[in-house]
Amino acid sequence: MIEHHDVALSGVRLHVAEQGTGPLVVLLHGFPEFWYSWRHQLAGLAAAGYRVVAPDQRGYGRSDRPADVEAYTLPQLAGDVVGLIRALGEKQAFVVGHDWGALVAWAVATMRPDMVRAVAGVSVPPLAPRGPQPPLLAARERFGGRFYWNYFETPGVAEAEFGKDLGTTFRRMLFGASGSRPADAGPVAPLVPPGGGFLDLAPEPPVTLPPWLTEADIAAYVEAFTGSGFTGGLNWYRNLDRNWELTAVYDGAVITVPALFVIGERDKAFTGVAAMDAAVAALAPGHRGTVVVPGAGHWVQQESPEHVTGILREFLATA
């Protein structure tokens, strides 16, 4: 059974969902999600003999949502994971992240390898070598401000779009980036159309949702974001340039702990096994390989829960 409790860290309080006993596994969600995106893996990994903890990361769900934009930098998010491991009475953990949570997981493994037994990233590989320009500036110059990162920059704009009808927002987001979407749905580059919004990039969801996404799931997301709003999660994007500055000291650093990358076959970021293997291995010499989940899109651990749980169980047992 999943238990819920709060954990007090230095300057922030995190709500966590926890199940099982054994070696600690920390599961980090992405945008726009909360602990619930790992609901299937909490039970599956706990049954395999692990203590599994999925926090609402800062800005999300029932965790604290600091008012300052600057409170959501990558070093602070990684610091939350380090603090969480310690607060749970452990010295090390397996760290697994999806989407933005993957970036945090890779960052923790880079910055504090002594606290990470192994790391797995789902849907998002480690950051490529530091570019010559801050990423928001680079995207603005390349795409004229239409790239979705830049759309998220202006306070209140994306919040208003997403908050207008939460049910529609999550139906479009979750269906639109999944492997269930039509084959020709949406542009390859996520460029917001002139006068439009981010949700315009997603296809119209069907009346009957795919089996992996139930009306109860949509209701859970609506309830969570009715309470939290979207500003906290969007503030992660608003710190991309600040992260570029703050992580300069780690430029060229590699991930030395055992690593795994998992991605859905229909994730728009998927460029082929060979290319992704090479990219991850260059940044993580301990890379155990890229695992592609057939038919799945971006929300891979929700779309193919048993498959992803099996992948993680095998990796954790041998890492």
Protein backbone atom coordinates (compact mmCIF):
# COMPACT_ATOMS: atom_id res chain seq x y z
CA MET A 1 0.00 0.00 0.00
CA ILE A 2 1.24 3.48 -0.88
CA GLU A 3 1.84 5.69 2.14
CA HIS A 4 1.98 9.49 1.96
CA HIS A 5 3.97 11.78 4.21
CA ASP A 6 5.95 15.02 4.17
CA VAL A 7 9.71 15.32 4.45
CA ALA A 8 11.29 18.54 5.73
CA LEU A 9 14.48 19.51 3.91
CA SER A 10 16.62 22.61 4.16
CA GLY A 11 14.25 25.38 3.13
CA VAL A 12 11.60 23.25 1.44
CA ARG A 13 9.06 20.60 2.37
CA LEU A 14 8.40 17.73 -0.03
CA HIS A 15 5.37 15.48 -0.11
CA VAL A 16 6.32 11.89 -0.95
CA ALA A 17 4.54 8.68 -1.85
CA GLU A 18 6.30 5.62 -0.46
CA GLN A 19 5.91 1.86 -0.70
CA GLY A 20 8.00 -1.17 0.23
CA THR A 21 11.15 -1.91 2.19
CA GLY A 22 14.72 -2.55 1.09
CA PRO A 23 17.30 -0.54 -0.85
CA LEU A 24 16.04 2.98 -1.58
CA VAL A 25 14.80 3.88 -5.06
CA VAL A 26 13.87 7.52 -5.73
CA LEU A 27 11.49 8.12 -8.66
CA LEU A 28 11.43 11.67 -10.06
CA HIS A 29 8.52 12.87 -12.21
CA GLY A 30 8.55 15.31 -15.11
CA PHE A 31 6.39 18.16 -16.45
CA PRO A 32 3.48 18.54 -15.98
CA GLU A 33 3.19 15.64 -13.56
CA PHE A 34 3.47 14.68 -9.89
CA TRP A 35 4.23 11.50 -7.91
CA TYR A 36 1.24 9.80 -9.55
CA SER A 37 3.08 9.31 -12.84
CA TRP A 38 5.06 6.56 -11.07
CA ARG A 39 2.02 4.87 -9.49
CA HIS A 40 2.59 1.60 -11.33
CA GLN A 41 6.31 1.41 -10.56
CA LEU A 42 5.79 2.12 -6.86
CA ALA A 43 3.96 -1.18 -6.49
CA GLY A 44 6.06 -3.11 -8.99
CA LEU A 45 9.43 -2.17 -7.54
CA ALA A 46 8.23 -2.52 -3.95
CA ALA A 47 7.17 -6.08 -4.77
CA ALA A 48 10.73 -6.72 -5.97
CA GLY A 49 12.17 -5.80 -2.58
CA TYR A 50 12.83 -2.07 -2.74
CA ARG A 51 11.86 0.94 -0.66
CA VAL A 52 10.37 3.13 -3.38
CA VAL A 53 9.83 6.86 -2.87
CA ALA A 54 8.24 9.19 -5.42
CA PRO A 55 8.23 12.83 -4.32
CA ASP A 56 6.20 15.70 -5.64
CA GLN A 57 9.22 17.77 -6.61
CA ARG A 58 9.38 21.40 -5.53
CA GLY A 59 6.68 23.43 -7.22
CA TYR A 60 4.39 20.44 -7.72
CA GLY A 61 1.52 18.67 -6.03
CA ARG A 62 1.47 18.90 -2.25
CA SER A 63 5.11 19.99 -1.94
CA ASP A 64 6.22 23.55 -1.25
CA ARG A 65 6.07 26.03 -4.10
CA PRO A 66 8.58 28.83 -3.42
CA ALA A 67 7.50 32.18 -4.85
CA ASP A 68 10.87 33.19 -6.31
CA VAL A 69 11.60 32.01 -9.85
CA GLU A 70 15.25 31.63 -8.83
CA ALA A 71 14.27 28.90 -6.35
CA TYR A 72 13.95 26.32 -9.14
CA THR A 73 17.47 25.96 -10.50
CA LEU A 74 18.92 22.58 -11.37
CA PRO A 75 21.44 22.60 -8.49
CA GLN A 76 18.59 23.29 -6.05
CA LEU A 77 16.46 20.51 -7.54
CA ALA A 78 19.38 18.11 -7.35
CA GLY A 79 19.98 19.29 -3.79
CA ASP A 80 16.41 18.36 -2.92
CA VAL A 81 17.13 14.77 -3.97
CA VAL A 82 20.35 14.67 -1.94
CA GLY A 83 18.50 16.08 1.06
CA LEU A 84 15.64 13.62 0.59
CA ILE A 85 17.99 10.62 0.57
CA ARG A 86 19.58 11.84 3.80
CA ALA A 87 16.25 12.70 5.44
CA LEU A 88 15.05 9.17 4.74
CA GLY A 89 18.02 7.87 6.70
CA GLU A 90 20.01 6.57 3.76
CA LYS A 91 23.48 7.29 2.41
CA GLN A 92 22.80 6.18 -1.16
CA ALA A 93 19.89 5.49 -3.48
CA PHE A 94 19.05 4.31 -6.95
CA VAL A 95 17.78 7.43 -8.74
CA VAL A 96 15.33 7.19 -11.64
CA GLY A 97 13.84 10.17 -13.44
CA HIS A 98 11.42 10.84 -16.29
CA ASP A 99 11.39 13.95 -18.51
CA TRP A 100 12.57 16.87 -16.33
CA GLY A 101 12.99 14.35 -13.54
CA ALA A 102 15.54 12.59 -15.73
CA LEU A 103 17.55 15.81 -16.00
CA VAL A 104 17.50 16.06 -12.21
CA ALA A 105 18.53 12.40 -11.88
CA TRP A 106 21.43 12.84 -14.31
CA ALA A 107 22.45 16.01 -12.43
CA VAL A 108 22.48 14.23 -9.06
CA ALA A 109 24.60 11.43 -10.55
CA THR A 110 27.02 14.02 -11.95
CA MET A 111 27.23 16.24 -8.88
CA ARG A 112 27.01 13.63 -6.10
CA PRO A 113 28.01 10.21 -7.48
CA ASP A 114 28.85 9.12 -3.93
CA MET A 115 25.11 9.15 -3.15
CA VAL A 116 23.89 7.38 -6.29
CA ARG A 117 24.12 3.59 -6.59
CA ALA A 118 22.90 3.75 -10.18
CA VAL A 119 20.90 6.16 -12.34
CA ALA A 120 18.23 5.65 -14.98
CA GLY A 121 16.81 8.34 -17.22
CA VAL A 122 13.47 7.87 -18.96
CA SER A 123 12.62 9.83 -22.14
CA VAL A 124 15.35 12.48 -21.67
CA PRO A 125 19.07 11.64 -22.02
CA PRO A 126 21.88 13.45 -20.18
CA LEU A 127 22.44 17.04 -21.21
CA ALA A 128 24.70 17.46 -24.21
CA PRO A 129 27.96 19.36 -23.73
CA ARG A 130 27.41 22.98 -22.76
CA GLY A 131 26.64 25.15 -25.77
CA PRO A 132 28.16 28.55 -26.48
CA GLN A 133 24.92 30.40 -25.66
CA PRO A 134 22.32 30.16 -22.90
CA PRO A 135 19.56 27.82 -24.16
CA LEU A 136 16.63 30.25 -23.99
CA LEU A 137 18.61 32.84 -25.91
CA ALA A 138 19.76 30.26 -28.45
CA ALA A 139 16.19 29.02 -28.98
CA ARG A 140 14.89 32.56 -29.35
CA GLU A 141 17.47 33.39 -31.99
CA ARG A 142 16.92 30.15 -33.90
CA PHE A 143 13.11 30.02 -33.81
CA GLY A 144 12.13 33.65 -33.39
CA GLY A 145 10.64 33.14 -29.94
CA ARG A 146 8.19 30.44 -31.04
CA PHE A 147 9.97 27.50 -29.39
CA TYR A 148 7.90 26.24 -26.46
CA TRP A 149 10.63 27.06 -23.92
CA ASN A 150 10.30 30.71 -24.88
CA TYR A 151 6.51 30.53 -24.76
CA PHE A 152 6.84 29.31 -21.17
CA GLU A 153 9.16 32.21 -20.27
CA THR A 154 6.58 34.96 -19.82
CA PRO A 155 4.94 34.68 -16.39
CA GLY A 156 1.21 34.04 -16.55
CA VAL A 157 0.86 33.18 -20.24
CA ALA A 158 1.17 29.39 -20.16
CA GLU A 159 -0.45 29.34 -16.72
CA ALA A 160 -3.57 30.99 -18.16
CA GLU A 161 -3.71 28.62 -21.12
CA PHE A 162 -3.26 25.45 -19.07
CA GLY A 163 -5.52 26.57 -16.23
CA LYS A 164 -8.48 27.52 -18.42
CA ASP A 165 -9.80 23.95 -18.57
CA LEU A 166 -7.65 21.45 -16.69
CA GLY A 167 -9.48 18.43 -18.05
CA THR A 168 -8.84 19.51 -21.64
CA THR A 169 -5.24 20.43 -20.84
CA PHE A 170 -4.36 16.99 -19.53
CA ARG A 171 -6.34 15.08 -22.14
CA ARG A 172 -4.47 16.95 -24.87
CA MET A 173 -1.03 16.84 -23.24
CA LEU A 174 -1.09 13.21 -22.17
CA PHE A 175 -2.72 11.85 -25.32
CA GLY A 176 -0.87 14.20 -27.66
CA ALA A 177 2.65 13.12 -26.65
CA SER A 178 1.80 9.45 -26.26
CA GLY A 179 2.26 6.53 -28.60
CA SER A 180 -1.53 6.44 -28.95
CA ARG A 181 -1.60 9.65 -31.01
CA PRO A 182 -2.15 9.46 -34.79
CA ALA A 183 0.99 8.79 -36.79
CA ASP A 184 0.98 12.21 -38.47
CA ALA A 185 -0.07 14.23 -35.43
CA GLY A 186 1.74 17.43 -34.56
CA PRO A 187 4.92 19.13 -35.79
CA VAL A 188 8.34 17.62 -35.14
CA ALA A 189 9.68 20.89 -33.72
CA PRO A 190 7.49 22.18 -30.84
CA LEU A 191 6.96 25.69 -32.21
CA VAL A 192 3.94 27.53 -30.86
CA PRO A 193 1.89 28.95 -33.77
CA PRO A 194 1.55 32.74 -34.02
CA GLY A 195 -1.34 33.84 -31.84
CA GLY A 196 -1.76 30.31 -30.53
CA GLY A 197 -0.74 28.32 -27.51
CA PHE A 198 1.20 25.24 -26.52
CA LEU A 199 -1.87 23.02 -26.59
CA ASP A 200 -2.30 23.79 -30.29
CA LEU A 201 0.67 21.49 -30.87
CA ALA A 202 -1.32 18.49 -29.63
CA PRO A 203 -3.95 16.61 -31.66
CA GLU A 204 -7.56 16.55 -30.55
CA PRO A 205 -7.91 13.62 -28.14
CA PRO A 206 -10.54 10.97 -28.84
CA VAL A 207 -13.75 10.82 -26.84
CA THR A 208 -12.70 7.40 -25.56
CA LEU A 209 -9.21 7.52 -24.11
CA PRO A 210 -6.64 4.77 -24.74
CA PRO A 211 -6.58 1.95 -22.16
CA TRP A 212 -3.46 3.23 -20.38
CA LEU A 213 -5.11 6.61 -19.63
CA THR A 214 -8.39 6.45 -17.71
CA GLU A 215 -10.85 9.12 -16.72
CA ALA A 216 -9.74 8.48 -13.13
CA ASP A 217 -6.17 9.32 -14.17
CA ILE A 218 -7.31 12.58 -15.74
CA ALA A 219 -9.25 13.38 -12.58
CA ALA A 220 -6.14 12.77 -10.46
CA TYR A 221 -4.12 15.23 -12.56
CA VAL A 222 -6.93 17.79 -12.46
CA GLU A 223 -7.19 17.54 -8.68
CA ALA A 224 -3.42 17.87 -8.20
CA PHE A 225 -3.05 20.90 -10.45
CA THR A 226 -6.18 22.57 -9.12
CA GLY A 227 -4.24 22.76 -5.88
CA SER A 228 -0.76 23.51 -7.18
CA GLY A 229 -1.22 25.40 -10.42
CA PHE A 230 1.49 25.34 -13.09
CA THR A 231 3.82 28.17 -12.05
CA GLY A 232 6.19 25.97 -10.04
CA GLY A 233 6.75 23.56 -12.91
CA LEU A 234 7.05 26.34 -15.48
CA ASN A 235 9.66 28.01 -13.29
CA TRP A 236 11.94 25.06 -14.01
CA TYR A 237 11.95 26.16 -17.66
CA ARG A 238 12.41 29.80 -16.69
CA ASN A 239 15.74 28.86 -15.12
CA LEU A 240 17.27 27.24 -18.20
CA ASP A 241 19.64 30.17 -18.80
CA ARG A 242 20.46 30.39 -15.10
CA ASN A 243 21.21 26.65 -15.10
CA TRP A 244 23.58 27.19 -18.02
CA GLU A 245 25.52 29.63 -15.85
CA LEU A 246 25.38 27.66 -12.61
CA THR A 247 26.44 24.32 -14.09
CA ALA A 248 29.45 25.64 -16.01
CA VAL A 249 31.72 24.03 -13.43
CA TYR A 250 30.41 20.60 -14.52
CA ASP A 251 31.07 21.15 -18.23
CA GLY A 252 32.91 18.07 -19.46
CA ALA A 253 32.07 16.01 -16.37
CA VAL A 254 30.87 12.46 -16.95
CA ILE A 255 28.48 10.19 -15.07
CA THR A 256 30.57 7.46 -13.49
CA VAL A 257 27.85 5.34 -11.84
CA PRO A 258 25.98 2.58 -13.72
CA ALA A 259 23.46 4.21 -16.05
CA LEU A 260 20.49 3.21 -18.17
CA PHE A 261 18.41 5.13 -20.70
CA VAL A 262 14.81 4.17 -21.53
CA ILE A 263 12.71 5.77 -24.27
CA GLY A 264 9.46 5.09 -26.06
CA GLU A 265 9.63 4.05 -29.70
CA ARG A 266 7.14 6.79 -30.60
CA ASP A 267 8.68 9.53 -28.46
CA LYS A 268 9.45 12.44 -30.80
CA ALA A 269 12.89 12.68 -29.22
CA PHE A 270 13.79 9.14 -30.34
CA THR A 271 16.48 9.23 -33.03
CA GLY A 272 17.39 5.55 -33.17
CA VAL A 273 19.13 3.17 -30.79
CA ALA A 274 22.64 3.60 -32.22
CA ALA A 275 22.53 7.40 -32.11
CA MET A 276 21.08 7.53 -28.60
CA ASP A 277 23.45 4.87 -27.30
CA ALA A 278 26.43 6.83 -28.58
CA ALA A 279 25.15 10.12 -27.17
CA VAL A 280 24.48 8.69 -23.71
CA ALA A 281 27.69 6.64 -23.57
CA ALA A 282 29.74 9.75 -24.34
CA LEU A 283 28.40 11.36 -21.16
CA ALA A 284 28.04 8.21 -19.05
CA PRO A 285 30.89 5.71 -19.44
CA GLY A 286 28.96 3.29 -17.21
CA HIS A 287 26.03 3.25 -19.64
CA ARG A 288 24.38 -0.18 -19.73
CA GLY A 289 22.47 0.53 -22.93
CA THR A 290 19.39 2.20 -24.37
CA VAL A 291 16.13 0.29 -24.04
CA VAL A 292 13.35 1.17 -26.48
CA VAL A 293 9.77 0.45 -25.43
CA PRO A 294 7.73 -0.56 -28.50
CA GLY A 295 4.70 1.57 -29.32
CA ALA A 296 5.14 3.92 -26.37
CA GLY A 297 5.47 7.67 -26.59
CA HIS A 298 6.74 10.22 -24.08
CA TRP A 299 4.78 9.00 -21.01
CA VAL A 300 6.42 5.62 -21.31
CA GLN A 301 6.17 4.40 -17.71
CA GLN A 302 2.44 5.11 -17.73
CA GLU A 303 1.80 3.79 -21.24
CA SER A 304 3.72 0.52 -20.77
CA PRO A 305 3.92 0.14 -16.99
CA GLU A 306 4.72 -3.56 -16.75
CA HIS A 307 7.40 -3.34 -19.42
CA VAL A 308 9.10 -0.35 -17.82
CA THR A 309 8.89 -1.87 -14.34
CA GLY A 310 10.53 -5.02 -15.69
CA ILE A 311 13.30 -3.00 -17.33
CA LEU A 312 13.99 -1.15 -14.09
CA ARG A 313 13.88 -4.30 -11.96
CA GLU A 314 16.48 -5.96 -14.16
CA PHE A 315 18.71 -2.88 -14.15
CA LEU A 316 18.51 -2.34 -10.39
CA ALA A 317 19.25 -6.00 -9.71
CA THR A 318 22.45 -5.94 -11.77
CA ALA A 319 23.70 -2.36 -11.29
